[in-house]
Protein backbone atom coordinates (compact mmCIF):
# COMPACT_ATOMS: atom_id res chain seq x y z
CA MET A 1 28.41 -73.31 25.93
CA GLN A 2 24.70 -72.31 26.84
CA THR A 3 23.99 -68.65 25.38
CA TRP A 4 21.92 -66.00 27.20
CA LYS A 5 19.10 -66.44 24.75
CA ASP A 6 18.85 -70.07 25.32
CA TYR A 7 19.02 -69.67 29.12
CA GLN A 8 16.27 -67.10 28.90
CA GLU A 9 13.93 -69.11 26.75
CA LYS A 10 14.18 -72.29 29.06
CA ASN A 11 13.44 -70.33 31.79
CA LYS A 12 10.87 -67.43 30.80
CA ASP A 13 7.83 -69.00 32.36
CA ARG A 14 9.59 -69.28 35.83
CA PHE A 15 10.92 -65.48 35.47
CA LEU A 16 7.30 -64.37 34.66
CA GLU A 17 5.88 -66.37 37.72
CA GLU A 18 8.48 -64.83 39.97
CA LEU A 19 7.35 -61.44 38.75
CA LEU A 20 3.61 -62.40 39.32
CA GLU A 21 4.32 -63.21 43.12
CA LEU A 22 6.04 -59.73 43.72
CA LEU A 23 3.19 -58.04 42.08
CA ARG A 24 0.90 -59.83 44.48
CA ILE A 25 2.27 -57.72 47.36
CA PRO A 26 0.54 -54.47 48.02
CA SER A 27 3.55 -52.46 48.63
CA ILE A 28 1.92 -48.94 48.54
CA SER A 29 4.47 -46.73 50.28
CA ALA A 30 1.95 -43.43 50.56
CA LYS A 31 -0.37 -45.57 52.96
CA LYS A 32 0.82 -46.33 56.59
CA GLU A 33 -1.49 -49.45 56.50
CA HIS A 34 0.81 -51.21 54.15
CA LYS A 35 3.98 -50.94 56.15
CA GLN A 36 4.19 -54.51 56.69
CA ASP A 37 3.75 -55.13 52.83
CA LEU A 38 6.72 -53.03 52.07
CA ILE A 39 8.68 -55.12 54.60
CA LYS A 40 7.55 -58.28 53.22
CA CYS A 41 8.42 -57.04 49.63
CA ALA A 42 11.86 -55.98 50.38
CA GLU A 43 12.39 -59.47 52.04
CA ALA A 44 11.21 -60.92 48.77
CA VAL A 45 13.59 -58.73 46.44
CA LYS A 46 16.40 -59.73 48.99
CA GLN A 47 15.57 -63.56 48.25
CA ARG A 48 15.41 -62.99 44.60
CA LEU A 49 18.84 -61.31 44.73
CA LEU A 50 20.52 -64.19 46.52
CA GLN A 51 18.90 -66.74 44.18
CA ALA A 52 20.00 -65.01 41.18
CA GLY A 53 23.64 -65.16 42.48
CA ALA A 54 24.47 -62.29 44.75
CA ASP A 55 27.06 -62.81 47.17
CA LYS A 56 25.72 -60.51 49.82
CA VAL A 57 22.31 -58.70 50.18
CA ASP A 58 21.00 -56.54 53.11
CA ILE A 59 18.09 -54.85 54.01
CA TYR A 60 18.61 -51.39 55.46
CA PRO A 61 16.11 -49.78 57.83
CA THR A 62 15.49 -45.79 57.24
CA GLU A 63 12.79 -43.51 59.02
CA GLY A 64 10.53 -44.80 56.30
CA HIS A 65 10.52 -47.98 54.36
CA PRO A 66 13.66 -50.27 54.11
CA VAL A 67 16.11 -50.25 51.38
CA VAL A 68 17.71 -53.41 49.71
CA VAL A 69 21.30 -53.50 48.69
CA GLY A 70 23.04 -56.43 47.08
CA GLU A 71 26.08 -56.95 45.21
CA LYS A 72 28.21 -59.51 43.12
CA ILE A 73 32.03 -58.59 42.80
CA ILE A 74 33.78 -60.74 40.55
CA ASP A 75 36.81 -58.94 40.14
CA PRO A 76 37.98 -55.48 41.89
CA SER A 77 39.74 -54.62 38.72
CA LYS A 78 36.56 -54.57 36.71
CA PRO A 79 33.97 -51.97 36.35
CA THR A 80 30.99 -51.78 38.61
CA VAL A 81 27.34 -51.35 37.48
CA LEU A 82 25.01 -49.93 40.17
CA VAL A 83 21.26 -50.82 39.50
CA TYR A 84 18.42 -48.87 40.89
CA GLY A 85 14.96 -49.46 41.03
CA HIS A 86 12.06 -49.40 43.59
CA TYR A 87 9.74 -51.82 44.99
CA ASP A 88 7.00 -49.50 46.23
CA VAL A 89 3.94 -48.74 44.08
CA GLN A 90 1.38 -46.22 43.82
CA PRO A 91 -1.99 -46.35 45.34
CA PRO A 92 -4.45 -48.27 42.87
CA ASP A 93 -7.36 -45.84 43.49
CA PRO A 94 -9.97 -45.48 41.92
CA LEU A 95 -10.55 -49.22 42.34
CA GLU A 96 -13.90 -49.32 40.41
CA LEU A 97 -11.86 -48.32 37.11
CA TRP A 98 -9.67 -51.56 37.33
CA HIS A 99 -10.78 -54.54 35.01
CA SER A 100 -9.25 -56.97 37.44
CA GLY A 101 -7.71 -56.68 40.80
CA PRO A 102 -4.64 -54.26 41.12
CA PHE A 103 -2.99 -57.05 43.06
CA GLU A 104 -4.15 -60.00 41.50
CA PRO A 105 -2.15 -59.73 38.25
CA VAL A 106 -3.71 -60.72 35.04
CA ILE A 107 -2.04 -61.68 31.73
CA LYS A 108 -4.18 -60.83 28.97
CA ASP A 109 -3.52 -60.00 25.12
CA GLY A 110 0.52 -60.54 25.99
CA LYS A 111 0.15 -58.00 28.74
CA ILE A 112 0.50 -58.23 32.50
CA PHE A 113 -2.06 -56.01 34.29
CA ALA A 114 -1.39 -55.24 37.71
CA ARG A 115 -0.19 -52.25 39.98
CA GLY A 116 3.70 -52.10 39.62
CA SER A 117 3.66 -54.32 36.43
CA CYS A 118 5.91 -51.47 34.77
CA ASP A 119 6.42 -49.02 37.33
CA ASP A 120 8.68 -50.35 38.68
CA LYS A 121 8.65 -53.95 39.84
CA GLY A 122 8.42 -55.37 36.15
CA GLN A 123 11.48 -53.22 35.07
CA PHE A 124 13.88 -53.68 38.16
CA TYR A 125 13.12 -57.33 37.85
CA MET A 126 14.48 -57.35 34.34
CA HIS A 127 17.82 -56.56 35.85
CA ILE A 128 17.82 -59.42 38.54
CA LYS A 129 17.00 -61.98 35.81
CA ALA A 130 19.53 -60.39 33.25
CA PHE A 131 22.12 -60.73 36.20
CA GLU A 132 20.91 -64.32 36.66
CA THR A 133 21.44 -65.14 33.16
CA MET A 134 24.96 -63.96 33.15
CA MET A 135 25.78 -65.74 36.46
CA GLN A 136 24.29 -69.02 35.03
CA THR A 137 26.03 -68.72 31.63
CA ASN A 138 29.34 -67.75 33.29
CA THR A 139 29.72 -64.50 31.40
CA MET A 140 29.50 -61.90 33.83
CA GLU A 141 32.05 -58.99 32.73
CA THR A 142 31.20 -56.21 35.35
CA ASN A 143 30.73 -56.18 38.93
CA ILE A 144 27.11 -55.45 39.90
CA LYS A 145 25.42 -53.82 42.82
CA PHE A 146 21.55 -53.35 43.26
CA ILE A 147 19.96 -50.75 45.46
CA ILE A 148 16.30 -51.24 45.39
CA GLU A 149 14.16 -48.86 47.65
CA GLY A 150 10.67 -48.57 49.08
CA GLU A 151 9.78 -44.92 48.92
CA GLU A 152 10.24 -43.66 45.22
CA GLU A 153 6.41 -43.17 44.74
CA VAL A 154 6.43 -40.73 47.81
CA GLY A 155 9.68 -38.54 46.59
CA SER A 156 12.45 -41.00 48.25
CA PRO A 157 12.59 -38.64 51.32
CA ASN A 158 15.17 -40.87 52.92
CA LEU A 159 17.21 -42.36 50.23
CA GLY A 160 19.26 -39.13 49.75
CA LYS A 161 20.64 -39.54 53.48
CA PHE A 162 21.41 -43.12 52.87
CA VAL A 163 23.29 -42.74 49.91
CA ALA A 164 25.41 -39.95 51.68
CA GLN A 165 26.08 -42.00 54.51
CA ASN A 166 26.92 -45.35 52.38
CA LYS A 167 29.06 -43.93 49.56
CA GLU A 168 31.59 -46.93 50.02
CA LEU A 169 28.75 -49.50 49.89
CA LEU A 170 27.52 -47.93 46.72
CA LYS A 171 30.65 -47.12 44.90
CA ALA A 172 30.49 -47.74 41.28
CA ASP A 173 31.11 -46.62 37.93
CA VAL A 174 27.71 -45.84 36.32
CA ILE A 175 24.04 -46.23 37.84
CA LEU A 176 21.80 -48.13 35.42
CA ILE A 177 17.97 -47.07 35.73
CA SER A 178 15.08 -48.87 34.00
CA ASP A 179 12.40 -46.80 35.54
CA THR A 180 11.44 -44.95 32.07
CA ALA A 181 9.77 -45.71 28.87
CA MET A 182 10.57 -46.30 25.21
CA ILE A 183 8.64 -45.27 21.90
CA SER A 184 7.97 -48.88 21.10
CA LEU A 185 9.56 -52.42 20.12
CA GLU A 186 9.47 -51.20 16.69
CA ASN A 187 10.91 -47.67 17.26
CA PRO A 188 13.62 -48.26 20.38
CA SER A 189 14.39 -45.12 22.30
CA ILE A 190 16.52 -44.27 25.25
CA ASP A 191 15.62 -41.22 27.72
CA ILE A 192 18.47 -38.85 27.91
CA GLY A 193 16.99 -36.81 30.62
CA VAL A 194 13.95 -36.56 33.11
CA ARG A 195 12.18 -33.76 34.43
CA GLY A 196 12.22 -32.56 38.03
CA LEU A 197 9.41 -32.17 40.36
CA SER A 198 7.86 -29.65 42.82
CA TYR A 199 4.65 -31.12 44.68
CA ILE A 200 2.72 -28.85 47.17
CA GLU A 201 -0.77 -28.84 48.77
CA VAL A 202 -3.02 -25.70 49.09
CA GLU A 203 -5.80 -25.48 51.68
CA VAL A 204 -8.34 -22.60 51.62
CA THR A 205 -10.52 -22.16 54.70
CA GLY A 206 -13.70 -19.72 54.62
CA PRO A 207 -16.27 -19.83 57.24
CA ASN A 208 -15.63 -21.96 60.41
CA ARG A 209 -18.19 -24.54 59.75
CA ASP A 210 -20.07 -25.77 56.60
CA LEU A 211 -23.00 -23.61 56.03
CA HIS A 212 -26.51 -23.75 54.23
CA SER A 213 -25.74 -22.68 50.91
CA GLY A 214 -29.26 -20.95 50.71
CA VAL A 215 -29.20 -19.03 54.06
CA TYR A 216 -25.41 -17.96 53.58
CA GLY A 217 -24.89 -18.33 49.76
CA GLY A 218 -23.97 -15.05 48.17
CA ALA A 219 -23.12 -13.49 51.35
CA VAL A 220 -19.90 -15.44 52.33
CA ALA A 221 -17.07 -16.63 49.93
CA ASN A 222 -17.07 -20.12 48.94
CA PRO A 223 -13.70 -21.64 49.37
CA ILE A 224 -14.09 -23.93 46.23
CA THR A 225 -14.94 -21.08 44.19
CA ILE A 226 -12.00 -19.14 45.55
CA LEU A 227 -9.76 -22.07 44.97
CA ALA A 228 -10.81 -22.66 41.59
CA LYS A 229 -10.21 -18.93 40.79
CA MET A 230 -6.70 -18.80 42.23
CA ILE A 231 -5.71 -22.13 40.25
CA ALA A 232 -7.28 -20.58 36.95
CA THR A 233 -4.50 -17.63 37.23
CA CYS A 234 -1.69 -19.89 36.86
CA HIS A 235 -2.25 -20.06 32.94
CA ASP A 236 -2.95 -17.44 30.45
CA GLU A 237 -4.96 -17.92 27.19
CA ASN A 238 -1.69 -19.47 25.49
CA ASN A 239 -1.45 -21.96 28.44
CA HIS A 240 1.77 -20.20 29.49
CA VAL A 241 2.44 -20.38 33.09
CA THR A 242 1.85 -16.80 34.73
CA ILE A 243 3.60 -17.01 37.96
CA PRO A 244 6.18 -14.47 37.93
CA GLY A 245 9.78 -15.91 37.45
CA PHE A 246 8.58 -19.40 36.60
CA TYR A 247 10.65 -19.56 33.47
CA ASP A 248 13.52 -17.57 34.75
CA ASP A 249 16.11 -20.61 34.86
CA VAL A 250 14.70 -22.41 31.97
CA VAL A 251 17.42 -23.83 29.56
CA GLU A 252 16.03 -23.25 26.18
CA VAL A 253 16.54 -26.35 23.69
CA THR A 254 18.71 -25.84 20.72
CA ALA A 255 17.15 -26.01 17.32
CA GLU A 256 19.16 -29.08 16.72
CA GLU A 257 17.91 -30.93 19.52
CA ARG A 258 14.24 -29.96 18.56
CA LYS A 259 14.84 -31.17 15.31
CA LEU A 260 16.26 -34.67 16.53
CA MET A 261 13.12 -34.96 18.84
CA ALA A 262 10.79 -34.28 15.66
CA ALA A 263 12.25 -37.29 14.09
CA ALA A 264 10.68 -39.68 16.43
CA PRO A 265 7.77 -41.44 15.16
CA TYR A 266 4.57 -39.61 16.47
CA ASN A 267 0.81 -39.15 15.23
CA ASP A 268 -1.36 -36.68 16.80
CA GLU A 269 -4.39 -38.53 15.80
CA GLU A 270 -3.40 -41.68 17.33
CA TYR A 271 -2.21 -39.96 20.50
CA LYS A 272 -5.75 -38.52 20.73
CA LYS A 273 -7.48 -41.64 20.06
CA ASP A 274 -5.64 -43.49 22.87
CA LEU A 275 -6.35 -40.91 25.27
CA GLY A 276 -10.05 -40.68 24.19
CA VAL A 277 -9.87 -36.78 23.79
CA LYS A 278 -10.89 -34.71 20.93
CA GLU A 279 -8.32 -32.08 21.11
CA LEU A 280 -4.83 -31.69 22.88
CA TRP A 281 -4.01 -28.85 25.18
CA GLY A 282 -0.73 -27.31 26.03
CA GLU A 283 1.70 -24.23 25.59
CA LYS A 284 1.34 -22.55 22.47
CA GLY A 285 4.58 -22.80 20.04
CA PHE A 286 5.51 -26.14 21.29
CA THR A 287 4.66 -29.90 19.98
CA THR A 288 3.28 -32.45 22.19
CA ASN A 289 6.77 -34.10 22.51
CA GLU A 290 8.46 -30.76 23.46
CA ARG A 291 5.39 -30.01 26.09
CA THR A 292 6.06 -33.24 27.79
CA GLY A 293 9.85 -33.35 27.59
CA ILE A 294 11.53 -30.02 27.37
CA ARG A 295 9.14 -27.64 28.86
CA PRO A 296 8.16 -27.04 32.46
CA THR A 297 4.36 -27.44 33.60
CA ILE A 298 2.19 -26.91 36.26
CA GLU A 299 -0.76 -29.47 36.66
CA LEU A 300 -3.62 -29.90 39.39
CA ASN A 301 -3.32 -33.48 40.72
CA GLY A 302 -6.36 -33.39 42.84
CA ILE A 303 -9.20 -31.09 44.38
CA TRP A 304 -11.94 -31.61 46.76
CA GLY A 305 -14.21 -29.85 49.23
CA GLY A 306 -17.82 -29.96 50.34
CA TYR A 307 -20.18 -32.65 50.01
CA GLN A 308 -19.41 -35.61 47.75
CA ASP A 309 -21.36 -38.55 48.91
CA GLU A 310 -24.25 -39.97 46.93
CA GLY A 311 -27.49 -37.69 46.49
CA ALA A 312 -27.62 -33.74 47.06
CA LYS A 313 -26.78 -31.48 50.04
CA THR A 314 -27.00 -27.83 49.46
CA VAL A 315 -23.85 -26.79 51.47
CA LEU A 316 -21.38 -23.92 51.30
CA PRO A 317 -18.22 -25.70 52.43
CA SER A 318 -15.72 -24.63 55.18
CA LYS A 319 -12.63 -25.83 53.14
CA ALA A 320 -11.39 -26.59 49.77
CA THR A 321 -8.06 -28.12 49.13
CA ALA A 322 -5.69 -28.90 45.97
CA LYS A 323 -2.77 -31.00 45.25
CA ILE A 324 -0.64 -29.30 42.64
CA SER A 325 2.72 -30.33 40.95
CA ALA A 326 5.29 -28.54 38.51
CA ARG A 327 7.67 -30.50 36.33
CA LEU A 328 10.85 -28.87 35.98
CA VAL A 329 13.59 -28.98 33.41
CA PRO A 330 17.33 -28.45 33.52
CA ASN A 331 18.63 -25.55 35.48
CA GLN A 332 15.29 -25.10 37.47
CA SER A 333 15.59 -25.89 41.13
CA SER A 334 12.87 -27.79 42.88
CA GLU A 335 13.36 -25.63 46.16
CA LYS A 336 13.24 -22.34 44.29
CA ILE A 337 10.14 -23.37 42.56
CA THR A 338 8.39 -24.73 45.31
CA LYS A 339 8.98 -21.70 47.51
CA MET A 340 7.92 -19.63 44.36
CA LEU A 341 4.50 -21.61 44.31
CA LEU A 342 3.91 -21.50 47.96
CA ASP A 343 4.34 -17.74 48.05
CA TYR A 344 2.18 -17.21 45.02
CA PHE A 345 -0.83 -18.87 46.39
CA LYS A 346 -0.60 -17.08 49.75
CA LYS A 347 0.00 -13.78 48.01
CA ILE A 348 -2.98 -13.89 45.70
CA ALA A 349 -5.39 -15.14 48.44
CA PRO A 350 -8.16 -12.76 48.76
CA ALA A 351 -8.89 -11.25 52.37
CA ASN A 352 -12.13 -13.23 52.86
CA VAL A 353 -10.44 -16.77 53.16
CA ILE A 354 -7.20 -18.09 54.80
CA VAL A 355 -4.89 -19.85 52.77
CA LYS A 356 -2.37 -22.65 54.09
CA ALA A 357 0.31 -23.84 51.51
CA PHE A 358 2.96 -26.69 52.30
CA GLU A 359 5.36 -28.79 50.40
CA HIS A 360 4.99 -32.67 50.00
CA HIS A 361 8.19 -33.54 48.05
CA GLY A 362 10.29 -32.53 45.10
CA GLY A 363 13.20 -33.48 42.90
CA GLU A 364 15.80 -32.09 40.39
CA PRO A 365 15.70 -32.31 36.79
CA TYR A 366 18.46 -34.87 35.43
CA MET A 367 20.30 -35.34 31.90
CA THR A 368 22.58 -38.03 30.79
CA PRO A 369 25.19 -36.76 28.09
CA ILE A 370 24.82 -38.97 24.94
CA ASP A 371 28.73 -38.80 24.39
CA SER A 372 29.34 -40.74 27.63
CA LYS A 373 30.53 -44.46 27.45
CA ALA A 374 27.58 -45.78 29.54
CA TYR A 375 25.04 -44.01 27.11
CA GLN A 376 26.92 -45.57 24.21
CA ALA A 377 26.81 -48.77 25.90
CA ALA A 378 23.12 -48.53 26.25
CA ALA A 379 22.69 -47.54 22.66
CA LYS A 380 24.74 -50.29 21.42
CA ALA A 381 23.03 -53.08 23.46
CA MET A 382 19.56 -51.88 22.23
CA GLU A 383 20.95 -51.62 18.56
CA THR A 384 22.22 -55.51 18.91
CA THR A 385 18.73 -56.75 20.12
CA PHE A 386 16.36 -54.53 18.32
CA GLY A 387 18.49 -54.22 15.00
CA LYS A 388 18.27 -50.48 14.84
CA LYS A 389 19.67 -47.37 16.87
CA PRO A 390 17.74 -46.26 19.54
CA ILE A 391 16.38 -42.61 19.43
CA PRO A 392 17.59 -40.33 22.38
CA VAL A 393 14.58 -38.84 23.67
CA ARG A 394 13.44 -36.65 26.73
CA GLY A 395 11.33 -38.28 29.44
CA GLY A 396 8.45 -36.16 30.95
CA GLY A 397 8.42 -38.24 34.44
CA SER A 398 10.63 -37.77 37.36
CA ILE A 399 13.12 -39.72 39.20
CA PRO A 400 13.95 -37.58 42.18
CA ILE A 401 17.00 -39.57 43.23
CA CYS A 402 19.09 -39.27 40.02
CA PHE A 403 20.27 -35.68 40.93
CA LEU A 404 21.48 -36.75 44.51
CA PHE A 405 23.03 -39.87 43.11
CA GLU A 406 25.49 -37.98 41.05
CA LYS A 407 25.89 -35.44 43.86
CA GLU A 408 26.95 -38.01 46.27
CA LEU A 409 28.59 -40.72 44.23
CA GLY A 410 30.05 -38.55 41.60
CA ILE A 411 28.90 -40.80 38.89
CA LYS A 412 26.40 -40.52 36.05
CA VAL A 413 22.91 -42.22 35.45
CA VAL A 414 21.95 -44.04 32.16
CA PHE A 415 18.34 -44.91 31.65
CA LEU A 416 17.30 -48.12 29.99
CA GLY A 417 13.75 -48.38 30.13
CA PHE A 418 11.29 -50.95 28.34
CA GLY A 419 8.01 -49.60 29.31
CA LEU A 420 5.74 -47.64 27.08
CA ASP A 421 3.80 -44.22 27.80
CA SER A 422 0.68 -46.09 27.39
CA ASP A 423 1.35 -48.48 30.28
CA ASN A 424 -1.09 -46.54 32.51
CA LEU A 425 1.54 -45.90 35.12
CA HIS A 426 -0.23 -44.26 38.12
CA SER A 427 -3.66 -45.18 36.72
CA PRO A 428 -6.08 -47.77 36.87
CA ASN A 429 -5.25 -50.99 34.77
CA GLU A 430 -1.36 -50.22 34.74
CA LYS A 431 0.02 -52.98 32.63
CA PHE A 432 3.51 -54.27 31.25
CA ASP A 433 3.92 -56.11 27.70
CA LEU A 434 5.48 -59.55 28.11
CA ALA A 435 7.61 -58.90 24.81
CA ASN A 436 8.93 -55.84 26.46
CA PHE A 437 9.66 -57.44 29.89
CA TYR A 438 11.37 -60.30 27.87
CA LYS A 439 13.17 -57.81 25.68
CA GLY A 440 14.52 -56.04 28.61
CA ILE A 441 16.32 -59.22 30.22
CA GLU A 442 17.64 -59.96 26.51
CA THR A 443 19.24 -56.67 26.18
CA ILE A 444 20.57 -55.70 29.72
CA PRO A 445 23.29 -58.43 29.49
CA TYR A 446 24.83 -56.79 26.45
CA PHE A 447 24.86 -53.25 28.35
CA HIS A 448 27.16 -54.92 30.69
CA LYS A 449 29.47 -56.33 27.95
CA TYR A 450 29.81 -53.39 26.11
CA PHE A 451 30.41 -51.20 29.29
CA ALA A 452 33.10 -53.45 30.27
CA GLU A 453 34.74 -53.41 26.82
CA MET A 454 34.47 -49.59 26.76
CA LYS A 455 36.07 -49.11 30.13
């Protein structure tokens, strides 16, 4: 009988080439001009699921980009695993910083360089190939369903409605997601939580037109200066968020969990070297791992105004704009924090400018209980293929749909990510190590095996 490993080794080159084909599709959900690319990518995902062995795969339209849903039901009495992923990707800008074309995948030093290679095409494709492996070796021990969406990178605005309207279609016993990272192949880990998100935009308007900075400078408020001052009030000298009420609902992490987090391999000097910075920055009283996992933050994601083209133009701009996000931790509400941020910027605006602020999108924080059968199955699967127990860690990113999945379907999410924090997610030169890609395909079948045995 052919083993999983034998089948995967025999077909590894084909697995990779199929992934590269997906990566060549510029499925950028944030840009309207790529609508047809998203439709093309959804169709490609459908075909791959059918080829892997799914009995039924459908593409469902939404008010935005389509959702792909597929399934293989081997026995209604067996447990069902619902695999979630997303085929949309972040914009690749700034293009000049890429070493190769973002949608022209290149393999270099054992890594796939392309937008979406890790987030999330490479990671959800591991599940499709693991599914194919189990089908071709006649070893499926669970039913499996897939829901692969095209709007995660813009906050999944239509997926919540789709899930609420299709509960029977998506009925399962657990949701399995590989849109997270691990520490390393040498030190496997499993995310037990992701942070929530609140994303707003603030626009400051001063004069009714751009002005000559010599004629009017010093007499009229400069919107860029005002906006910069407003943003600067968000943190104190200890990098603690100063917005009233921001920490009110934060669940303080126990000393035991902080001790467990401290056991994860980490080196400040290596961290700084990788990022090219001389010093780290963050809330006083917390380590780097704690700042990115168990503490809420406010970050400036973009700011612009005035003249930005080549050369000089002495202008006092009419407007300045910033995009600002907050990462949230358990018990914080994205709706509450968003309102808090919008109200704050409007309240502190001086009388010499007009401030408009609005929400882009948000999502709730999510935690996976480590005593659940699903987590135990994931941990055992990793221990089987890595030879050591994975470390439970908190992820710094956000997956907005997790909270809604549990709310609507009444089941838990378990994370089984194989990316790395150094994979340049959302940045130029995004990558995914081939070793991690293949390790994911090797490990995922064991999750299905152990989850079936634990039910």
